[in-house]
Protein backbone atom coordinates (compact mmCIF):
# COMPACT_ATOMS: atom_id res chain seq x y z
CA UNK A 1 -8.00 -5.10 -19.97
CA UNK A 2 -10.57 -3.62 -18.03
CA UNK A 3 -9.64 -1.66 -14.94
CA UNK A 4 -12.85 -1.21 -13.56
CA UNK A 5 -12.89 -3.73 -10.64
CA UNK A 6 -15.94 -6.61 -10.36
CA UNK A 7 -16.94 -6.20 -6.62
CA UNK A 8 -18.49 -9.79 -5.36
CA UNK A 9 -18.95 -9.44 -1.70
CA UNK A 10 -19.30 -6.67 0.99
CA UNK A 11 -15.83 -8.36 2.37
CA UNK A 12 -14.36 -7.51 -1.34
CA UNK A 13 -15.81 -4.18 -1.18
CA UNK A 14 -14.43 -2.82 2.42
CA UNK A 15 -11.15 -4.14 1.03
CA UNK A 16 -11.49 -1.95 -1.87
CA UNK A 17 -12.55 1.28 0.49
CA UNK A 18 -9.78 0.42 2.92
CA UNK A 19 -6.90 0.37 0.07
CA UNK A 20 -7.58 3.07 -1.68
CA UNK A 21 -8.53 7.35 -1.12
CA UNK A 22 -10.96 7.37 -4.08
CA UNK A 23 -13.54 4.97 -4.95
CA UNK A 24 -16.29 5.64 -7.61
CA UNK A 25 -18.50 2.72 -8.30
CA UNK A 26 -21.42 2.17 -10.19
CA UNK A 27 -24.21 -0.21 -9.18
CA UNK A 28 -25.88 -1.34 -12.34
CA UNK A 29 -27.66 -5.11 -13.69
CA UNK A 30 -27.85 -6.79 -16.90
CA UNK A 31 -31.25 -5.77 -17.48
CA UNK A 32 -30.95 -2.53 -17.35
CA UNK A 33 -30.46 -0.23 -20.48
CA UNK A 34 -29.51 2.88 -19.10
CA UNK A 35 -26.65 1.16 -17.72
CA UNK A 36 -25.71 0.00 -20.72
CA UNK A 37 -25.76 3.67 -22.08
CA UNK A 38 -23.21 5.06 -19.13
CA UNK A 39 -21.03 1.56 -19.21
CA UNK A 40 -18.48 2.71 -21.64
CA UNK A 41 -18.16 6.49 -20.49
CA UNK A 42 -17.66 4.58 -16.99
CA UNK A 43 -14.84 2.06 -18.71
CA UNK A 44 -13.21 5.21 -20.48
CA UNK A 45 -12.94 7.30 -17.01
CA UNK A 46 -11.64 4.25 -15.50
CA UNK A 47 -8.82 3.88 -17.71
CA UNK A 48 -7.94 7.59 -17.96
CA UNK A 49 -8.13 7.97 -13.76
CA UNK A 50 -7.44 4.80 -12.34
CA UNK A 51 -4.39 5.00 -9.87
CA UNK A 52 -3.50 1.84 -7.90
CA UNK A 53 -4.31 3.00 -3.85
CA UNK A 54 -5.51 5.97 -5.04
CA UNK A 55 -8.33 6.05 -7.05
CA UNK A 56 -10.29 2.99 -7.82
CA UNK A 57 -13.62 2.54 -10.14
CA UNK A 58 -15.62 -0.38 -9.07
CA UNK A 59 -18.87 -2.06 -10.04
CA UNK A 60 -21.73 -3.93 -8.35
CA UNK A 61 -24.69 -5.91 -10.21
CA UNK A 62 -26.97 -5.56 -7.64
CA UNK A 63 -28.85 -8.73 -8.56
CA UNK A 64 -26.08 -10.67 -7.10
CA UNK A 65 -25.40 -8.35 -4.24
CA UNK A 66 -28.69 -7.35 -3.18
CA UNK A 67 -27.43 -6.81 0.36
CA UNK A 68 -24.85 -4.90 -0.51
CA UNK A 69 -27.30 -2.47 -2.31
CA UNK A 70 -29.23 -2.28 0.28
CA UNK A 71 -26.89 -1.63 2.94
CA UNK A 72 -25.78 2.08 0.68
CA UNK A 73 -29.28 2.55 -0.12
CA UNK A 74 -29.31 1.75 -3.95
CA UNK A 75 -32.88 1.56 -5.01
CA UNK A 76 -32.64 3.29 -8.38
CA UNK A 77 -30.04 1.80 -11.27
CA UNK A 78 -27.93 3.13 -12.99
CA UNK A 79 -26.67 4.67 -9.03
CA UNK A 80 -23.05 5.96 -8.86
CA UNK A 81 -21.27 6.32 -5.92
CA UNK A 82 -17.96 8.61 -4.60
CA UNK A 83 -16.47 7.17 -1.63
CA UNK A 84 -14.05 9.75 0.15
CA UNK A 85 -11.58 7.57 2.47
CA UNK A 86 -14.09 4.75 3.15
CA UNK A 87 -17.18 7.28 3.32
CA UNK A 88 -20.08 8.50 0.31
CA UNK A 89 -19.43 12.14 -0.53
CA UNK A 90 -21.83 11.99 -3.71
CA UNK A 91 -23.98 10.51 -5.82
CA UNK A 92 -26.48 10.49 -8.95
CA UNK A 93 -28.74 8.50 -10.56
CA UNK A 94 -29.47 7.75 -14.22
CA UNK A 95 -27.50 7.71 -17.43
CA UNK A 96 -26.69 11.48 -17.44
CA UNK A 97 -22.78 11.27 -18.55
CA UNK A 98 -22.43 15.13 -17.71
CA UNK A 99 -23.26 14.22 -14.07
CA UNK A 100 -20.51 11.56 -14.48
CA UNK A 101 -17.84 13.46 -15.53
CA UNK A 102 -18.64 16.43 -13.13
CA UNK A 103 -18.07 13.49 -10.38
CA UNK A 104 -14.85 12.77 -11.64
CA UNK A 105 -13.45 16.91 -12.09
CA UNK A 106 -11.48 16.19 -8.73
CA UNK A 107 -9.59 13.48 -9.90
CA UNK A 108 -7.25 15.40 -11.45
CA UNK A 109 -6.37 17.41 -8.37
CA UNK A 110 -5.97 13.72 -6.25
CA UNK A 111 -4.07 12.05 -9.20
CA UNK A 112 -1.39 14.85 -9.55
CA UNK A 113 -0.45 14.74 -5.86
CA UNK A 114 -0.85 11.34 -5.28
CA UNK A 115 1.43 8.65 -5.75
CA UNK A 116 0.89 4.69 -5.06
CA UNK A 117 3.73 4.86 -2.21
CA UNK A 118 2.00 3.54 1.33
CA UNK A 119 4.50 2.56 4.13
CA UNK A 120 2.89 -0.58 5.13
CA UNK A 121 0.06 -2.26 5.02
CA UNK A 122 -3.60 -1.16 6.68
CA UNK A 123 -5.01 -2.97 9.56
CA UNK A 124 -8.68 -4.47 8.73
CA UNK A 125 -11.33 -1.36 8.90
CA UNK A 126 -9.06 1.48 8.81
CA UNK A 127 -7.75 3.86 5.95
CA UNK A 128 -5.08 5.91 5.31
CA UNK A 129 -6.39 9.48 6.42
CA UNK A 130 -2.77 11.43 6.08
CA UNK A 131 -4.84 13.43 3.62
CA UNK A 132 -6.99 15.15 6.22
CA UNK A 133 -3.65 16.56 7.65
CA UNK A 134 -3.76 20.56 7.41
CA UNK A 135 -0.27 21.17 6.02
CA UNK A 136 -0.22 24.76 6.58
CA UNK A 137 -0.74 24.74 10.16
CA UNK A 138 2.12 22.46 10.73
CA UNK A 139 5.31 23.20 12.91
CA UNK A 140 8.02 21.25 13.46
CA UNK A 141 10.93 22.29 16.09
CA UNK A 142 14.54 21.08 16.23
CA UNK A 143 14.57 20.20 12.13
CA UNK A 144 17.84 20.48 10.25
CA UNK A 145 17.21 23.08 8.19
CA UNK A 146 18.91 22.24 5.33
CA UNK A 147 16.93 18.96 5.18
CA UNK A 148 13.68 18.58 4.09
CA UNK A 149 10.35 20.61 6.05
CA UNK A 150 7.54 19.06 8.10
CA UNK A 151 5.34 18.57 4.72
CA UNK A 152 8.36 16.46 3.82
CA UNK A 153 6.95 14.14 6.15
CA UNK A 154 3.18 14.00 4.85
CA UNK A 155 4.18 13.18 1.18
CA UNK A 156 3.13 11.02 -1.07
CA UNK A 157 5.72 10.18 -3.14
CA UNK A 158 7.95 7.37 -2.45
CA UNK A 159 10.85 7.90 -0.24
CA UNK A 160 14.16 8.23 -2.06
CA UNK A 161 15.59 6.43 1.05
CA UNK A 162 14.19 3.37 -0.98
CA UNK A 163 17.03 3.61 -4.06
CA UNK A 164 19.41 4.50 -1.30
CA UNK A 165 18.66 2.30 1.50
CA UNK A 166 21.86 0.24 1.19
CA UNK A 167 23.96 3.29 1.62
CA UNK A 168 25.51 4.36 4.71
CA UNK A 169 26.25 7.28 5.49
CA UNK A 170 24.97 10.99 7.17
CA UNK A 171 21.66 10.72 4.89
CA UNK A 172 23.03 13.70 3.38
CA UNK A 173 22.08 13.89 -0.29
CA UNK A 174 25.34 13.87 -3.01
CA UNK A 175 26.56 16.48 -4.97
CA UNK A 176 27.07 16.65 -8.55
CA UNK A 177 25.14 14.52 -11.33
CA UNK A 178 24.14 12.14 -8.93
CA UNK A 179 22.30 14.56 -6.11
CA UNK A 180 19.12 13.83 -5.28
CA UNK A 181 16.32 15.38 -3.64
CA UNK A 182 16.51 15.85 -0.22
CA UNK A 183 13.10 14.23 1.23
CA UNK A 184 13.40 13.56 4.61
CA UNK A 185 14.00 15.31 7.78
CA UNK A 186 16.44 14.96 10.79
CA UNK A 187 17.06 16.33 14.18
CA UNK A 188 19.27 19.32 14.31
CA UNK A 189 21.22 19.77 17.88
CA UNK A 190 20.06 16.77 19.45
CA UNK A 191 17.90 13.30 18.98
CA UNK A 192 14.47 15.35 19.69
CA UNK A 193 12.20 16.34 17.44
CA UNK A 194 8.91 18.34 18.21
CA UNK A 195 6.22 18.09 15.21
CA UNK A 196 2.25 20.15 15.81
CA UNK A 197 0.14 17.84 13.39
CA UNK A 198 -3.55 19.85 12.94
CA UNK A 199 -6.40 18.02 11.29
CA UNK A 200 -8.92 19.44 8.56
CA UNK A 201 -11.72 18.51 10.86
CA UNK A 202 -12.00 15.93 13.89
CA UNK A 203 -10.53 12.36 13.30
CA UNK A 204 -10.01 9.26 14.95
CA UNK A 205 -6.61 7.76 14.98
CA UNK A 206 -6.13 4.39 15.31
CA UNK A 207 -2.18 4.07 14.75
CA UNK A 208 0.75 6.04 12.50
CA UNK A 209 3.12 4.49 10.20
CA UNK A 210 7.02 5.87 10.70
CA UNK A 211 9.15 5.23 7.76
CA UNK A 212 13.09 5.88 8.51
CA UNK A 213 15.97 4.91 6.36
CA UNK A 214 18.23 6.37 9.27
CA UNK A 215 21.56 4.64 8.04
CA UNK A 216 23.02 3.93 11.52
CA UNK A 217 23.19 0.43 13.50
CA UNK A 218 24.11 -0.73 16.34
CA UNK A 219 27.56 -1.76 15.83
CA UNK A 220 28.45 2.20 14.63
CA UNK A 221 30.01 4.30 17.18
CA UNK A 222 29.67 7.65 15.66
CA UNK A 223 26.62 9.16 17.28
CA UNK A 224 26.26 12.01 14.65
CA UNK A 225 24.71 9.12 12.00
CA UNK A 226 21.15 9.37 11.94
CA UNK A 227 19.00 6.58 14.06
CA UNK A 228 15.26 5.55 14.06
CA UNK A 229 13.08 7.06 16.58
CA UNK A 230 12.71 5.23 19.44
CA UNK A 231 10.41 6.66 22.16
CA UNK A 232 7.42 9.08 21.31
CA UNK A 233 5.24 10.67 23.20
CA UNK A 234 1.53 11.48 21.86
CA UNK A 235 -0.39 14.53 23.03
CA UNK A 236 -4.20 15.03 21.56
CA UNK A 237 -6.21 18.41 21.16
CA UNK A 238 -3.42 20.59 21.27
CA UNK A 239 -3.87 23.90 20.39
CA UNK A 240 -0.40 24.92 19.37
CA UNK A 241 2.91 23.17 18.92
CA UNK A 242 4.45 21.93 22.68
CA UNK A 243 7.91 23.07 23.46
CA UNK A 244 10.90 20.76 24.77
CA UNK A 245 10.06 22.25 28.09
CA UNK A 246 6.53 22.57 28.42
CA UNK A 247 6.42 18.62 27.60
CA UNK A 248 8.36 17.78 30.85
CA UNK A 249 5.36 19.21 32.76
CA UNK A 250 2.51 17.66 30.88
CA UNK A 251 0.92 14.14 30.86
CA UNK A 252 1.25 12.76 27.44
CA UNK A 253 -2.26 11.26 26.34
CA UNK A 254 0.16 8.05 25.18
CA UNK A 255 3.95 7.15 25.42
CA UNK A 256 5.23 4.44 23.24
CA UNK A 257 8.87 2.92 22.80
CA UNK A 258 9.47 1.76 19.26
CA UNK A 259 11.30 -1.70 19.42
CA UNK A 260 13.48 -2.97 16.75
CA UNK A 261 11.26 -5.79 16.04
CA UNK A 262 8.73 -3.12 15.40
CA UNK A 263 10.35 -2.13 12.49
CA UNK A 264 9.38 -3.64 8.95
CA UNK A 265 13.29 -4.27 7.27
CA UNK A 266 11.81 -4.04 3.08
CA UNK A 267 9.54 -1.09 3.80
CA UNK A 268 11.46 0.69 7.34
CA UNK A 269 8.33 1.52 8.64
CA UNK A 270 7.10 0.96 11.87
CA UNK A 271 3.34 0.39 12.75
CA UNK A 272 2.92 2.36 15.93
CA UNK A 273 0.18 1.32 17.54
CA UNK A 274 -2.41 3.96 19.97
CA UNK A 275 -4.79 3.23 22.16
CA UNK A 276 -7.84 3.94 20.33
CA UNK A 277 -9.98 4.72 22.94
CA UNK A 278 -7.74 7.85 23.58
CA UNK A 279 -7.82 9.13 20.13
CA UNK A 280 -11.50 9.10 19.12
CA UNK A 281 -12.11 13.15 18.83
CA UNK A 282 -8.71 14.26 17.41
CA UNK A 283 -8.22 17.66 16.18
CA UNK A 284 -4.78 17.95 16.51
CA UNK A 285 -1.35 15.66 17.59
CA UNK A 286 1.83 16.32 18.88
CA UNK A 287 4.24 13.68 18.19
CA UNK A 288 7.20 14.36 20.41
CA UNK A 289 10.27 12.14 19.26
CA UNK A 290 12.21 12.02 22.55
CA UNK A 291 15.24 10.01 21.73
CA UNK A 292 16.85 7.84 18.97
CA UNK A 293 18.12 4.40 18.91
CA UNK A 294 21.38 3.33 19.58
CA UNK A 295 21.58 6.62 21.85
CA UNK A 296 22.21 8.63 18.85
CA UNK A 297 22.41 12.55 18.60
CA UNK A 298 20.26 12.88 15.47
CA UNK A 299 16.97 10.80 14.64
CA UNK A 300 16.02 10.37 10.82
CA UNK A 301 12.38 10.51 9.49
CA UNK A 302 11.10 9.77 6.22
CA UNK A 303 7.53 9.82 5.93
CA UNK A 304 4.86 9.57 8.64
CA UNK A 305 0.94 7.96 7.34
CA UNK A 306 -1.88 8.46 9.73
CA UNK A 307 -4.46 5.60 9.79
CA UNK A 308 -7.59 5.79 11.10
CA UNK A 309 -10.60 7.30 10.28
CA UNK A 310 -11.72 10.72 8.81
CA UNK A 311 -14.64 12.89 9.44
CA UNK A 312 -16.28 15.35 6.75
CA UNK A 313 -13.81 17.61 5.45
CA UNK A 314 -14.76 21.47 6.00
CA UNK A 315 -14.23 22.12 2.13
CA UNK A 316 -15.19 19.67 -0.59
CA UNK A 317 -14.03 21.61 -4.30
CA UNK A 318 -16.61 21.24 -6.67
CA UNK A 319 -18.40 18.18 -4.92
CA UNK A 320 -21.52 18.84 -2.93
CA UNK A 321 -22.08 16.55 0.35
CA UNK A 322 -25.19 14.90 0.20
CA UNK A 323 -27.61 16.60 2.64
CA UNK A 324 -26.23 19.77 2.09
CA UNK A 325 -27.83 22.91 0.85
CA UNK A 326 -26.53 24.77 -1.92
CA UNK A 327 -25.01 27.92 -0.22
CA UNK A 328 -24.62 26.28 2.97
């Protein structure tokens, strides 16, 4: 069965762009001979590189989708367009197979670092822009150093808590043959955490998805059992991380209390909706976890996903952005 998605409408195409980080689209027509030349090669690449929610191959028949073709300025077929995070980054026209293969050069990097895990459904019109995080510049304060690091929070692997959610304890990895990799973070001396998140370029942030497999429930009386975050303060466009005392003297861009009803019990994920108008041109975020549920002294977070709209990347690897001149 072909892995190429046959696009039937603008709404269908928008769903595909929202649901996958990378989308490679072939605009074609039944009467087009060059289209027939490139089609089997496109199918072969789709069989090799398709990854759920990460890399998608699609085809759009021009005569049946004239408005969709016009919207994307397609006036020659075949035209192949690469979209990343919903935005066009490269295109070529004609049946040059070498150009098609060149476009897919970056897929190896994407496929090796991605998985199909997502925290929750994406809001209409927005995409997962977590890949825009500059992980080298992140900083996490008051985290238990024996567990995961800041990078752990933005891993695209499925959290190990998915398998161990039914097990109750303090969140430590087991010893011996059953030991699993520690892929979550917990606070150290108290429930507070301070996370500095710089971005590769300015972005628009619609919401955060926070996943926590913290084992503590309301009935537990041990304050050292990790709990989910409760109050979060967000600070935008800071040049560095805040200290805990410094945060007391600065007005947060937004303060959010995550209610128990905000958590999806299947995915253990809460959608933290932000005042979108305040997060339009964001170069960095500071996420300050003020306290945890049930007055716990420990906060556990497994994953964070950032949802919104991404700007142009500063580096494009082997791809050349439309409108750029070589050497710029």
